[in-house]
Amino acid sequence: MDARPITALLIEDDVAWTTLVKVVLTQSKEVQFAVTCASCLEEGLRRCAEQSFDVILLDLNLPDSRGPETLTRLYQHVPTVPILALTSRRDERVALEAMKAGAQDYLPKSSLNTDLLVRTIRYAIERKRAAEALRASEERFRLLAENAQDMIFRYEMVPRRGFSYVNPAATHLTGYA
């Protein structure tokens, strides 16, 4: 088992589903979980302001928010925490909307079992870490390129030939934008 438990925020208004998810997570032999629960989005947002979480399990239909808007509102407050959308509906369209709104994954509640949920959580956390590392690396590269005294540019051959990036030093040195 990992030394530190994975901290999870479960935002779910149905007590039976809350209990089931907690039971499913406690059955994991690989990972320990510390689960905090909230029964509505506003309570979940308050919990996020008070504590940091490794992952958020989010019901998309709550008393104070419904559908992908629920995910969008939560993602605005905690953009660095992976969010897994849980729903009682098996709907590919809703799943794709949830992914576009920032969910790391979408799981129908009827599919929940320990292995699937634990694996999905672990993969979501790792994908989010990788995405954050890539974002930070790209930001460092952008700062380096923007502040370099040497000319840095990117010339692409396909689909059209031309410069797709030219740093400020290149403009200063050549006089061309």
Protein backbone atom coordinates (compact mmCIF):
# COMPACT_ATOMS: atom_id res chain seq x y z
CA MET A 1 0.00 0.00 0.00
CA ASP A 2 1.05 3.57 -0.59
CA ALA A 3 2.19 5.39 2.55
CA ARG A 4 -0.15 8.36 2.25
CA PRO A 5 -3.84 7.87 1.60
CA ILE A 6 -5.39 9.46 -1.47
CA THR A 7 -7.62 12.31 -0.34
CA ALA A 8 -10.89 12.29 -2.23
CA LEU A 9 -13.82 14.67 -2.14
CA LEU A 10 -17.09 12.95 -3.02
CA ILE A 11 -19.79 15.43 -4.03
CA GLU A 12 -22.97 13.34 -4.10
CA ASP A 13 -26.47 14.10 -2.82
CA ASP A 14 -27.75 10.51 -2.66
CA VAL A 15 -26.86 8.93 0.70
CA ALA A 16 -27.04 5.40 -0.72
CA TRP A 17 -24.53 6.20 -3.50
CA THR A 18 -22.30 8.03 -1.03
CA THR A 19 -22.23 4.94 1.17
CA LEU A 20 -21.62 2.63 -1.80
CA VAL A 21 -18.68 4.70 -3.12
CA LYS A 22 -17.10 4.84 0.33
CA VAL A 23 -17.50 1.05 0.74
CA VAL A 24 -16.06 0.41 -2.72
CA LEU A 25 -13.02 2.58 -1.92
CA THR A 26 -12.41 0.99 1.49
CA GLN A 27 -12.24 -2.43 -0.19
CA SER A 28 -9.11 -1.45 -2.08
CA LYS A 29 -6.10 -3.54 -1.11
CA GLU A 30 -3.69 -1.35 -3.13
CA VAL A 31 -4.46 2.15 -1.88
CA GLN A 32 -5.96 3.76 1.17
CA PHE A 33 -8.47 6.56 0.73
CA ALA A 34 -9.48 9.43 3.00
CA VAL A 35 -12.92 10.40 1.73
CA THR A 36 -14.62 13.69 2.54
CA CYS A 37 -18.26 14.04 1.50
CA ALA A 38 -20.40 16.96 0.39
CA SER A 39 -24.08 16.73 -0.56
CA CYS A 40 -24.22 19.75 -2.91
CA LEU A 41 -21.88 21.77 -5.10
CA GLU A 42 -21.72 24.77 -2.75
CA GLU A 43 -20.69 22.52 0.13
CA GLY A 44 -18.10 20.89 -2.13
CA LEU A 45 -16.69 24.30 -3.08
CA ARG A 46 -16.44 25.21 0.62
CA ARG A 47 -14.60 21.95 1.33
CA CYS A 48 -12.17 22.71 -1.52
CA ALA A 49 -11.47 26.13 0.00
CA GLU A 50 -10.71 24.52 3.38
CA GLN A 51 -8.67 21.52 2.27
CA SER A 52 -6.73 20.27 -0.73
CA PHE A 53 -7.72 17.01 -2.40
CA ASP A 54 -5.96 14.56 -4.69
CA VAL A 55 -9.16 13.83 -6.63
CA ILE A 56 -12.81 14.87 -6.75
CA LEU A 57 -15.63 12.43 -7.50
CA LEU A 58 -18.52 14.51 -8.76
CA ASP A 59 -22.16 13.62 -9.34
CA LEU A 60 -23.26 15.73 -12.29
CA ASN A 61 -26.82 16.14 -11.00
CA LEU A 62 -26.91 17.87 -7.65
CA PRO A 63 -29.64 19.87 -5.91
CA ASP A 64 -27.86 23.16 -6.68
CA SER A 65 -26.33 22.37 -10.09
CA ARG A 66 -27.04 20.04 -13.04
CA GLY A 67 -25.12 18.60 -15.97
CA PRO A 68 -21.77 19.75 -17.35
CA GLU A 69 -22.31 23.20 -15.75
CA THR A 70 -21.65 21.46 -12.41
CA LEU A 71 -18.25 20.37 -13.62
CA THR A 72 -17.46 23.76 -15.17
CA ARG A 73 -18.23 25.59 -11.93
CA LEU A 74 -16.11 23.20 -9.86
CA TYR A 75 -13.23 23.26 -12.37
CA GLN A 76 -13.11 27.07 -12.17
CA HIS A 77 -12.37 26.79 -8.45
CA VAL A 78 -9.95 23.85 -8.53
CA PRO A 79 -8.37 23.60 -12.00
CA THR A 80 -5.40 21.53 -10.80
CA VAL A 81 -7.41 18.75 -9.14
CA PRO A 82 -8.53 15.84 -11.32
CA ILE A 83 -12.31 15.51 -11.40
CA LEU A 84 -14.11 12.26 -12.16
CA ALA A 85 -17.72 12.65 -13.24
CA LEU A 86 -20.05 10.03 -11.77
CA THR A 87 -23.57 9.74 -13.07
CA SER A 88 -26.50 7.36 -13.12
CA ARG A 89 -26.89 7.97 -16.88
CA ARG A 90 -25.03 5.97 -19.54
CA ASP A 91 -24.91 8.69 -22.18
CA GLU A 92 -21.91 9.12 -24.49
CA ARG A 93 -22.94 12.67 -25.38
CA VAL A 94 -22.95 13.70 -21.71
CA ALA A 95 -19.66 11.85 -21.19
CA LEU A 96 -18.01 13.80 -24.02
CA GLU A 97 -19.41 17.09 -22.72
CA ALA A 98 -18.01 16.29 -19.28
CA MET A 99 -14.59 15.52 -20.74
CA LYS A 100 -14.61 18.76 -22.75
CA ALA A 101 -15.56 20.65 -19.57
CA GLY A 102 -12.47 19.31 -17.80
CA ALA A 103 -13.35 15.90 -16.33
CA GLN A 104 -10.50 13.42 -16.35
CA ASP A 105 -12.98 10.60 -16.79
CA TYR A 106 -16.69 9.75 -16.75
CA LEU A 107 -18.05 6.73 -14.94
CA PRO A 108 -21.62 5.44 -14.86
CA LYS A 109 -22.46 4.60 -11.25
CA SER A 110 -23.84 1.23 -12.33
CA SER A 111 -20.31 0.24 -13.45
CA LEU A 112 -18.61 0.98 -10.15
CA ASN A 113 -16.48 -1.69 -8.62
CA THR A 114 -13.33 -1.43 -6.53
CA ASP A 115 -10.81 -2.27 -9.26
CA LEU A 116 -12.35 0.06 -11.84
CA LEU A 117 -12.80 3.00 -9.49
CA VAL A 118 -9.33 2.73 -7.90
CA ARG A 119 -7.62 2.35 -11.29
CA THR A 120 -9.60 5.27 -12.74
CA ILE A 121 -8.69 7.49 -9.79
CA ARG A 122 -5.00 6.59 -9.95
CA TYR A 123 -4.83 7.14 -13.72
CA ALA A 124 -6.70 10.44 -13.43
CA ILE A 125 -4.24 11.69 -10.81
CA GLU A 126 -1.25 10.66 -12.95
CA ARG A 127 -2.72 12.20 -16.13
CA LYS A 128 -3.37 15.45 -14.29
CA ARG A 129 0.18 15.48 -12.89
CA ALA A 130 1.59 14.87 -16.36
CA ALA A 131 -0.58 17.62 -17.85
CA GLU A 132 0.51 20.06 -15.14
CA ALA A 133 4.19 19.15 -15.67
CA LEU A 134 3.79 19.70 -19.42
CA ARG A 135 2.04 23.05 -18.84
CA ALA A 136 4.83 24.18 -16.48
CA SER A 137 7.51 23.03 -18.95
CA GLU A 138 5.80 24.89 -21.81
CA GLU A 139 5.58 28.02 -19.65
CA ARG A 140 9.32 27.82 -18.85
CA PHE A 141 10.11 27.38 -22.56
CA ARG A 142 7.85 30.30 -23.50
CA LEU A 143 9.56 32.56 -20.93
CA LEU A 144 12.98 31.47 -22.19
CA ALA A 145 12.09 32.08 -25.84
CA GLU A 146 10.37 35.42 -25.14
CA ASN A 147 13.35 36.75 -23.13
CA ALA A 148 16.23 35.32 -25.17
CA GLN A 149 18.52 37.82 -26.91
CA ASP A 150 19.01 35.41 -29.82
CA MET A 151 16.61 34.96 -32.70
CA ILE A 152 14.23 32.06 -32.14
CA PHE A 153 11.62 31.11 -34.67
CA ARG A 154 9.59 28.18 -35.89
CA TYR A 155 9.13 27.73 -39.63
CA GLU A 156 6.58 25.15 -40.70
CA MET A 157 6.46 23.39 -44.05
CA VAL A 158 3.03 21.79 -43.68
CA PRO A 159 0.15 22.49 -44.08
CA ARG A 160 1.44 25.88 -45.31
CA ARG A 161 4.95 27.18 -45.43
CA GLY A 162 5.60 30.06 -43.12
CA PHE A 163 6.66 31.29 -39.71
CA SER A 164 4.39 30.08 -36.93
CA TYR A 165 6.46 31.72 -34.17
CA VAL A 166 9.02 34.50 -34.01
CA ASN A 167 10.35 35.77 -30.68
CA PRO A 168 10.69 39.49 -29.86
CA ALA A 169 14.50 39.39 -30.29
CA ALA A 170 14.07 38.32 -33.93
CA THR A 171 11.83 41.30 -34.55
CA HIS A 172 14.33 43.60 -32.82
CA LEU A 173 17.31 42.20 -34.74
CA THR A 174 15.71 42.18 -38.20
CA GLY A 175 13.26 45.05 -37.89
CA TYR A 176 10.48 42.80 -39.26
CA ALA A 177 7.48 41.66 -37.28
